[in-house]
């Protein structure tokens, strides 16, 4: 399996060189293999042989690198409110029939721009979230129309 990776910048205009980062591969049974990828600068790739077919590929699952992201994961087995430490994310599970693995990552860099403009949608200029996991359609979060309060997205009245 080939994995492509790129750096994002926060508070600097200089990319790191000789980078090493852990990549974790997970299958539907939550079996995990973690390997290290090395790349010379702004971007790179690595080829990995994994003893199973991965369903999910994650960077820095165990938070060993000091990047511009904070993440937390949970093995969810019951309903309730789950607070993902240091990510400014909460998941309110109202229904679940089997266990689910859910990871929330708060990326402290601006998101990539949209390839297709969506009227009325404004992206933050300094952060975004990535929610990933293995939940096999058995996880029902509370439907909520509230927005995450990001000061650059709120327009004063």
N, C-alpha and C. Protein backbone atom coordinates (compact mmCIF):
# COMPACT_ATOMS: atom_id res chain seq x y z
N UNK A 1 0.85 -1.16 0.00
CA UNK A 1 0.00 0.00 0.00
C UNK A 1 0.90 1.23 0.00
N UNK A 2 0.59 2.19 -0.89
CA UNK A 2 1.38 3.42 -0.94
C UNK A 2 0.63 4.53 -0.21
N UNK A 3 1.34 5.25 0.64
CA UNK A 3 0.79 6.36 1.42
C UNK A 3 1.50 7.64 1.00
N UNK A 4 0.72 8.67 0.71
CA UNK A 4 1.27 9.98 0.36
C UNK A 4 1.03 10.93 1.52
N UNK A 5 2.00 11.78 1.80
CA UNK A 5 1.90 12.68 2.95
C UNK A 5 2.48 14.04 2.58
N UNK A 6 1.94 15.10 3.23
CA UNK A 6 2.49 16.44 3.02
C UNK A 6 2.42 17.22 4.32
N UNK A 7 3.34 18.15 4.45
CA UNK A 7 3.37 19.01 5.62
C UNK A 7 2.45 20.20 5.40
N UNK A 8 1.92 20.71 6.49
CA UNK A 8 1.18 21.97 6.51
C UNK A 8 1.93 22.88 7.46
N UNK A 9 1.88 24.18 7.24
CA UNK A 9 2.65 25.12 8.05
C UNK A 9 1.76 25.90 9.01
N UNK A 10 2.27 26.11 10.23
CA UNK A 10 1.60 26.93 11.24
C UNK A 10 2.67 27.74 11.95
N UNK A 11 2.63 29.05 11.80
CA UNK A 11 3.56 29.92 12.49
C UNK A 11 4.96 29.95 11.91
N UNK A 12 5.14 29.44 10.72
CA UNK A 12 6.44 29.45 10.05
C UNK A 12 6.24 29.38 8.55
N UNK A 13 7.26 29.74 7.82
CA UNK A 13 7.21 29.61 6.36
C UNK A 13 8.25 28.61 5.87
N UNK A 14 8.89 27.92 6.81
CA UNK A 14 9.95 26.98 6.47
C UNK A 14 9.50 25.55 6.79
N UNK A 15 9.57 24.69 5.80
CA UNK A 15 9.22 23.29 5.99
C UNK A 15 10.34 22.56 6.72
N UNK A 16 9.97 21.59 7.53
CA UNK A 16 10.96 20.74 8.19
C UNK A 16 11.57 19.80 7.16
N UNK A 17 12.79 19.36 7.43
CA UNK A 17 13.44 18.41 6.52
C UNK A 17 13.71 17.12 7.27
N UNK A 18 13.97 16.07 6.53
CA UNK A 18 14.24 14.74 7.12
C UNK A 18 13.16 14.36 8.15
N UNK A 19 11.92 14.38 7.72
CA UNK A 19 10.77 14.13 8.60
C UNK A 19 10.51 12.65 8.79
N UNK A 20 10.07 12.30 9.99
CA UNK A 20 9.64 10.94 10.31
C UNK A 20 8.31 11.04 11.05
N UNK A 21 7.39 10.19 10.68
CA UNK A 21 6.06 10.22 11.26
C UNK A 21 5.49 8.82 11.30
N UNK A 22 4.76 8.50 12.36
CA UNK A 22 4.12 7.18 12.44
C UNK A 22 2.81 7.19 11.66
N UNK A 23 2.59 6.10 10.93
CA UNK A 23 1.35 5.86 10.20
C UNK A 23 0.76 4.58 10.77
N UNK A 24 -0.51 4.63 11.19
CA UNK A 24 -1.18 3.45 11.74
C UNK A 24 -2.25 2.97 10.78
N UNK A 25 -2.25 1.67 10.54
CA UNK A 25 -3.22 1.01 9.66
C UNK A 25 -4.13 0.19 10.55
N UNK A 26 -5.45 0.26 10.31
CA UNK A 26 -6.41 -0.48 11.13
C UNK A 26 -7.41 -1.18 10.22
N UNK A 27 -7.78 -2.41 10.59
CA UNK A 27 -8.81 -3.12 9.82
C UNK A 27 -10.14 -3.09 10.58
N UNK A 28 -11.17 -3.71 10.01
CA UNK A 28 -12.51 -3.71 10.62
C UNK A 28 -12.55 -4.33 12.02
N UNK A 29 -11.62 -5.23 12.30
CA UNK A 29 -11.55 -5.84 13.63
C UNK A 29 -10.67 -5.06 14.60
N UNK A 30 -10.27 -3.86 14.21
CA UNK A 30 -9.45 -2.93 14.98
C UNK A 30 -8.02 -3.42 15.17
N UNK A 31 -7.61 -4.43 14.39
CA UNK A 31 -6.21 -4.85 14.41
C UNK A 31 -5.40 -3.69 13.85
N UNK A 32 -4.33 -3.32 14.53
CA UNK A 32 -3.55 -2.15 14.15
C UNK A 32 -2.09 -2.48 13.94
N UNK A 33 -1.54 -1.94 12.88
CA UNK A 33 -0.09 -2.01 12.60
C UNK A 33 0.39 -0.57 12.46
N UNK A 34 1.45 -0.23 13.17
CA UNK A 34 2.00 1.12 13.08
C UNK A 34 3.40 1.04 12.49
N UNK A 35 3.64 1.87 11.48
CA UNK A 35 4.93 1.92 10.80
C UNK A 35 5.38 3.38 10.74
N UNK A 36 6.63 3.57 10.42
CA UNK A 36 7.18 4.91 10.31
C UNK A 36 7.41 5.25 8.84
N UNK A 37 7.03 6.47 8.49
CA UNK A 37 7.30 6.99 7.15
C UNK A 37 8.35 8.08 7.29
N UNK A 38 9.31 8.10 6.38
CA UNK A 38 10.33 9.15 6.33
C UNK A 38 10.18 9.87 5.00
N UNK A 39 10.29 11.20 5.05
CA UNK A 39 10.22 11.97 3.81
C UNK A 39 11.10 13.20 3.95
N UNK A 40 11.63 13.70 2.82
CA UNK A 40 12.68 14.70 2.87
C UNK A 40 12.25 16.13 3.17
N UNK A 41 11.03 16.50 2.88
CA UNK A 41 10.65 17.90 3.04
C UNK A 41 9.15 18.10 3.04
N UNK A 42 8.64 18.99 2.19
CA UNK A 42 7.21 19.33 2.21
C UNK A 42 6.27 18.16 1.97
N UNK A 43 6.71 17.15 1.22
CA UNK A 43 5.83 16.01 0.93
C UNK A 43 6.66 14.78 0.63
N UNK A 44 6.00 13.64 0.64
CA UNK A 44 6.68 12.39 0.35
C UNK A 44 5.70 11.25 0.29
N UNK A 45 6.22 10.05 0.14
CA UNK A 45 5.37 8.87 0.10
C UNK A 45 6.16 7.68 0.62
N UNK A 46 5.44 6.64 0.97
CA UNK A 46 6.06 5.40 1.42
C UNK A 46 5.22 4.22 1.00
N UNK A 47 5.86 3.10 0.77
CA UNK A 47 5.16 1.86 0.41
C UNK A 47 5.27 0.90 1.59
N UNK A 48 4.13 0.37 2.01
CA UNK A 48 4.07 -0.49 3.19
C UNK A 48 3.39 -1.81 2.85
N UNK A 49 3.91 -2.88 3.41
CA UNK A 49 3.28 -4.20 3.32
C UNK A 49 2.65 -4.47 4.69
N UNK A 50 1.35 -4.57 4.68
CA UNK A 50 0.59 -4.77 5.92
C UNK A 50 -0.04 -6.15 5.84
N UNK A 51 -0.05 -6.92 6.96
CA UNK A 51 -0.56 -8.30 6.91
C UNK A 51 -2.09 -8.41 6.86
N UNK A 52 -2.78 -7.31 6.63
CA UNK A 52 -4.24 -7.32 6.51
C UNK A 52 -4.65 -6.17 5.59
N UNK A 53 -5.91 -6.18 5.19
CA UNK A 53 -6.46 -5.11 4.35
C UNK A 53 -6.92 -3.98 5.27
N UNK A 54 -6.23 -2.83 5.27
CA UNK A 54 -6.64 -1.75 6.17
C UNK A 54 -7.94 -1.08 5.72
N UNK A 55 -8.75 -0.73 6.71
CA UNK A 55 -9.97 0.03 6.49
C UNK A 55 -9.70 1.51 6.73
N UNK A 56 -8.73 1.78 7.59
CA UNK A 56 -8.44 3.13 8.04
C UNK A 56 -6.93 3.32 8.13
N UNK A 57 -6.45 4.47 7.66
CA UNK A 57 -5.03 4.83 7.77
C UNK A 57 -4.97 6.17 8.48
N UNK A 58 -4.19 6.24 9.57
CA UNK A 58 -4.14 7.44 10.40
C UNK A 58 -2.70 7.87 10.63
N UNK A 59 -2.47 9.17 10.67
CA UNK A 59 -1.16 9.70 11.01
C UNK A 59 -1.08 9.97 12.50
N UNK A 60 0.05 9.65 13.09
CA UNK A 60 0.37 9.98 14.48
C UNK A 60 -0.74 9.63 15.47
N UNK A 61 -1.24 8.41 15.39
CA UNK A 61 -2.33 7.96 16.26
C UNK A 61 -1.98 8.12 17.74
N UNK A 62 -0.74 7.89 18.09
CA UNK A 62 -0.33 7.91 19.50
C UNK A 62 0.28 9.24 19.93
N UNK A 63 0.07 10.29 19.11
CA UNK A 63 0.48 11.66 19.44
C UNK A 63 1.95 11.76 19.84
N UNK A 64 2.83 11.21 19.04
CA UNK A 64 4.26 11.27 19.32
C UNK A 64 4.95 12.45 18.64
N UNK A 65 4.32 13.03 17.64
CA UNK A 65 4.93 14.14 16.90
C UNK A 65 4.33 15.46 17.33
N UNK A 66 5.11 16.49 17.25
CA UNK A 66 4.66 17.83 17.63
C UNK A 66 4.16 18.59 16.43
N UNK A 67 3.11 18.14 15.83
CA UNK A 67 2.57 18.79 14.64
C UNK A 67 1.49 19.80 14.98
N UNK A 68 0.90 20.37 13.95
CA UNK A 68 -0.14 21.38 14.10
C UNK A 68 -1.52 20.72 14.18
N UNK A 69 -1.61 19.66 14.97
CA UNK A 69 -2.89 18.96 15.16
C UNK A 69 -2.90 18.31 16.53
N UNK A 70 -4.07 18.27 17.14
CA UNK A 70 -4.26 17.51 18.37
C UNK A 70 -5.39 16.54 18.13
N UNK A 71 -5.21 15.30 18.57
CA UNK A 71 -6.24 14.30 18.32
C UNK A 71 -6.48 13.45 19.54
N UNK A 72 -7.61 12.78 19.51
CA UNK A 72 -8.01 11.88 20.59
C UNK A 72 -8.92 10.83 19.96
N UNK A 73 -8.82 9.60 20.47
CA UNK A 73 -9.72 8.56 19.95
C UNK A 73 -10.41 7.86 21.11
N UNK A 74 -11.56 7.28 20.79
CA UNK A 74 -12.35 6.57 21.79
C UNK A 74 -12.92 5.30 21.18
N UNK A 75 -13.00 4.28 22.02
CA UNK A 75 -13.72 3.05 21.69
C UNK A 75 -15.10 3.20 22.31
N UNK A 76 -16.09 3.44 21.49
CA UNK A 76 -17.43 3.75 21.97
C UNK A 76 -18.27 2.48 22.00
N UNK A 77 -18.84 2.20 23.17
CA UNK A 77 -19.63 0.98 23.35
C UNK A 77 -21.05 1.26 23.83
N UNK A 78 -21.33 2.51 24.22
CA UNK A 78 -22.66 2.83 24.74
C UNK A 78 -23.02 4.27 24.39
N UNK A 79 -24.29 4.60 24.59
CA UNK A 79 -24.75 5.96 24.32
C UNK A 79 -24.17 6.91 25.36
N UNK A 80 -24.20 8.19 25.03
CA UNK A 80 -23.71 9.20 25.96
C UNK A 80 -22.90 10.27 25.26
N UNK A 81 -22.44 11.23 26.05
CA UNK A 81 -21.64 12.34 25.54
C UNK A 81 -20.17 12.02 25.74
N UNK A 82 -19.41 12.05 24.65
CA UNK A 82 -17.98 11.74 24.68
C UNK A 82 -17.20 13.02 24.38
N UNK A 83 -16.34 13.41 25.30
CA UNK A 83 -15.51 14.61 25.17
C UNK A 83 -14.12 14.19 24.71
N UNK A 84 -13.71 14.68 23.56
CA UNK A 84 -12.41 14.35 23.00
C UNK A 84 -11.40 15.39 23.49
N UNK A 85 -10.58 15.02 24.44
CA UNK A 85 -9.63 15.90 25.11
C UNK A 85 -8.77 16.67 24.12
N UNK A 86 -8.62 17.98 24.36
CA UNK A 86 -7.75 18.88 23.60
C UNK A 86 -8.13 19.05 22.13
N UNK A 87 -9.33 18.65 21.74
CA UNK A 87 -9.72 18.77 20.33
C UNK A 87 -10.88 19.74 20.12
N UNK A 88 -11.51 20.21 21.19
CA UNK A 88 -12.70 21.06 21.09
C UNK A 88 -13.81 20.36 20.33
N UNK A 89 -13.95 19.06 20.57
CA UNK A 89 -14.97 18.26 19.90
C UNK A 89 -15.65 17.36 20.92
N UNK A 90 -16.97 17.29 20.82
CA UNK A 90 -17.77 16.37 21.63
C UNK A 90 -18.68 15.59 20.71
N UNK A 91 -18.86 14.32 21.02
CA UNK A 91 -19.74 13.45 20.24
C UNK A 91 -20.84 12.95 21.16
N UNK A 92 -22.08 13.25 20.81
CA UNK A 92 -23.23 12.81 21.60
C UNK A 92 -23.86 11.62 20.87
N UNK A 93 -23.63 10.42 21.39
CA UNK A 93 -24.11 9.19 20.77
C UNK A 93 -25.49 8.86 21.34
N UNK A 94 -26.49 8.80 20.45
CA UNK A 94 -27.86 8.51 20.89
C UNK A 94 -28.27 7.07 20.64
N UNK A 95 -27.50 6.38 19.78
CA UNK A 95 -27.82 4.98 19.49
C UNK A 95 -26.56 4.29 19.00
N UNK A 96 -26.34 3.07 19.50
CA UNK A 96 -25.20 2.27 19.04
C UNK A 96 -25.54 0.80 19.25
N UNK A 97 -25.26 -0.03 18.26
CA UNK A 97 -25.58 -1.46 18.36
C UNK A 97 -24.34 -2.33 18.53
N UNK A 98 -23.18 -1.76 18.27
CA UNK A 98 -21.92 -2.49 18.40
C UNK A 98 -20.84 -1.46 18.71
N UNK A 99 -19.67 -1.88 19.05
CA UNK A 99 -18.58 -0.95 19.35
C UNK A 99 -18.18 -0.17 18.11
N UNK A 100 -17.67 1.05 18.35
CA UNK A 100 -17.19 1.90 17.27
C UNK A 100 -15.88 2.54 17.70
N UNK A 101 -14.97 2.69 16.76
CA UNK A 101 -13.72 3.41 16.98
C UNK A 101 -13.87 4.76 16.30
N UNK A 102 -13.77 5.85 17.07
CA UNK A 102 -13.94 7.19 16.50
C UNK A 102 -12.78 8.07 16.96
N UNK A 103 -12.13 8.70 16.00
CA UNK A 103 -11.01 9.61 16.29
C UNK A 103 -11.36 11.00 15.80
N UNK A 104 -11.10 12.00 16.63
CA UNK A 104 -11.30 13.40 16.27
C UNK A 104 -9.95 14.09 16.26
N UNK A 105 -9.67 14.83 15.20
CA UNK A 105 -8.42 15.58 15.09
C UNK A 105 -8.75 17.04 14.83
N UNK A 106 -8.20 17.90 15.69
CA UNK A 106 -8.32 19.34 15.51
C UNK A 106 -7.05 19.79 14.81
N UNK A 107 -7.18 20.17 13.56
CA UNK A 107 -6.06 20.63 12.74
C UNK A 107 -5.93 22.14 12.91
N UNK A 108 -4.79 22.60 13.41
CA UNK A 108 -4.57 24.01 13.73
C UNK A 108 -4.02 24.78 12.54
N UNK A 109 -4.42 24.41 11.36
CA UNK A 109 -4.04 25.09 10.12
C UNK A 109 -5.30 25.29 9.29
N UNK A 110 -5.30 26.22 8.35
CA UNK A 110 -6.49 26.40 7.52
C UNK A 110 -6.76 25.17 6.66
N UNK A 111 -8.01 24.91 6.36
CA UNK A 111 -8.32 23.80 5.44
C UNK A 111 -7.93 24.18 4.02
N UNK A 112 -7.78 23.17 3.18
CA UNK A 112 -7.59 23.43 1.75
C UNK A 112 -8.85 24.11 1.24
N UNK A 113 -8.70 24.92 0.21
CA UNK A 113 -9.88 25.58 -0.36
C UNK A 113 -10.76 24.55 -1.06
N UNK A 114 -12.02 24.90 -1.20
CA UNK A 114 -12.97 24.01 -1.86
C UNK A 114 -12.71 23.99 -3.37
N UNK A 115 -12.79 22.82 -3.97
CA UNK A 115 -12.63 22.73 -5.43
C UNK A 115 -13.86 23.27 -6.14
N UNK A 116 -15.01 23.12 -5.49
CA UNK A 116 -16.27 23.63 -6.03
C UNK A 116 -16.88 24.55 -4.96
N UNK A 117 -17.17 25.78 -5.33
CA UNK A 117 -17.76 26.75 -4.41
C UNK A 117 -19.14 26.28 -3.94
N UNK A 118 -19.37 26.37 -2.64
CA UNK A 118 -20.67 26.04 -2.07
C UNK A 118 -21.26 27.33 -1.51
N UNK A 119 -22.34 27.84 -2.11
CA UNK A 119 -22.93 29.10 -1.65
C UNK A 119 -23.29 29.05 -0.16
N UNK A 120 -22.91 30.09 0.57
CA UNK A 120 -23.24 30.18 1.99
C UNK A 120 -22.28 29.47 2.92
N UNK A 121 -21.36 28.70 2.38
CA UNK A 121 -20.40 27.98 3.22
C UNK A 121 -19.12 28.79 3.34
N UNK A 122 -18.71 29.06 4.58
CA UNK A 122 -17.46 29.78 4.82
C UNK A 122 -16.55 28.89 5.63
N UNK A 123 -15.32 28.73 5.16
CA UNK A 123 -14.34 27.92 5.87
C UNK A 123 -13.54 28.79 6.83
N UNK A 124 -13.13 28.20 7.93
CA UNK A 124 -12.27 28.89 8.89
C UNK A 124 -10.94 29.21 8.23
N UNK A 125 -10.35 30.33 8.64
CA UNK A 125 -9.04 30.69 8.09
C UNK A 125 -7.89 30.21 8.96
N UNK A 126 -8.20 29.40 9.99
CA UNK A 126 -7.10 28.92 10.82
C UNK A 126 -7.27 27.52 11.41
N UNK A 127 -8.37 26.82 11.15
CA UNK A 127 -8.51 25.46 11.68
C UNK A 127 -9.61 24.67 10.99
N UNK A 128 -9.54 23.34 11.18
CA UNK A 128 -10.61 22.45 10.73
C UNK A 128 -10.49 21.15 11.51
N UNK A 129 -11.52 20.34 11.46
CA UNK A 129 -11.55 19.06 12.17
C UNK A 129 -11.63 17.91 11.18
N UNK A 130 -11.03 16.80 11.56
CA UNK A 130 -11.15 15.56 10.82
C UNK A 130 -11.75 14.53 11.77
N UNK A 131 -12.85 13.90 11.38
CA UNK A 131 -13.47 12.85 12.17
C UNK A 131 -13.37 11.58 11.34
N UNK A 132 -12.75 10.56 11.91
CA UNK A 132 -12.55 9.31 11.18
C UNK A 132 -12.74 8.14 12.12
N UNK A 133 -12.98 6.97 11.55
CA UNK A 133 -13.13 5.81 12.41
C UNK A 133 -13.71 4.62 11.70
N UNK A 134 -14.05 3.64 12.51
CA UNK A 134 -14.70 2.42 12.03
C UNK A 134 -15.98 2.29 12.83
N UNK A 135 -17.11 2.56 12.16
CA UNK A 135 -18.38 2.53 12.88
C UNK A 135 -19.50 1.83 12.14
N UNK A 136 -19.26 1.18 11.07
CA UNK A 136 -20.17 0.25 10.39
C UNK A 136 -21.66 0.61 10.43
N UNK A 137 -22.01 1.83 10.29
CA UNK A 137 -23.40 2.29 10.24
C UNK A 137 -24.19 1.97 11.51
N UNK A 138 -23.51 1.68 12.60
CA UNK A 138 -24.23 1.34 13.83
C UNK A 138 -24.18 2.45 14.85
N UNK A 139 -23.60 3.58 14.49
CA UNK A 139 -23.43 4.69 15.41
C UNK A 139 -24.31 5.84 14.96
N UNK A 140 -25.17 6.32 15.85
CA UNK A 140 -26.03 7.45 15.50
C UNK A 140 -25.73 8.60 16.45
N UNK A 141 -25.07 9.65 15.92
CA UNK A 141 -24.84 10.83 16.75
C UNK A 141 -26.09 11.70 16.79
N UNK A 142 -26.16 12.57 17.79
CA UNK A 142 -27.27 13.50 17.88
C UNK A 142 -27.18 14.47 16.72
N UNK A 143 -28.27 14.66 16.04
CA UNK A 143 -28.31 15.63 14.94
C UNK A 143 -28.45 17.01 15.53
N UNK A 144 -27.58 17.91 15.13
CA UNK A 144 -27.53 19.24 15.72
C UNK A 144 -27.17 20.23 14.64
N UNK A 145 -27.87 21.34 14.60
CA UNK A 145 -27.57 22.34 13.59
C UNK A 145 -26.67 23.44 14.12
N UNK A 146 -26.17 23.29 15.36
CA UNK A 146 -25.31 24.33 15.91
C UNK A 146 -23.96 24.31 15.20
N UNK A 147 -23.27 25.46 15.24
CA UNK A 147 -21.96 25.54 14.61
C UNK A 147 -20.89 25.58 15.68
N UNK A 148 -19.69 25.24 15.29
CA UNK A 148 -18.56 25.40 16.19
C UNK A 148 -18.22 26.88 16.20
N UNK A 149 -18.07 27.44 17.38
CA UNK A 149 -17.84 28.88 17.48
C UNK A 149 -16.37 29.19 17.21
N UNK A 150 -16.12 29.69 16.04
CA UNK A 150 -14.78 30.09 15.62
C UNK A 150 -14.85 31.59 15.37
N UNK A 151 -14.06 32.37 16.09
CA UNK A 151 -14.24 33.82 16.08
C UNK A 151 -14.13 34.45 14.70
N UNK A 152 -13.44 33.86 13.77
CA UNK A 152 -13.35 34.47 12.44
C UNK A 152 -14.55 34.11 11.56
N UNK A 153 -15.42 33.24 12.04
CA UNK A 153 -16.61 32.88 11.26
C UNK A 153 -17.87 33.57 11.77
N UNK A 154 -17.81 34.15 12.96
CA UNK A 154 -18.98 34.79 13.54
C UNK A 154 -19.02 36.24 13.10
N UNK A 155 -20.15 36.63 12.54
CA UNK A 155 -20.32 38.00 12.08
C UNK A 155 -21.13 38.77 13.10
N UNK A 156 -20.62 39.91 13.61
CA UNK A 156 -21.39 40.68 14.58
C UNK A 156 -22.67 41.22 13.96
N UNK A 157 -23.73 41.34 14.78
CA UNK A 157 -25.01 41.86 14.29
C UNK A 157 -24.97 43.36 14.19
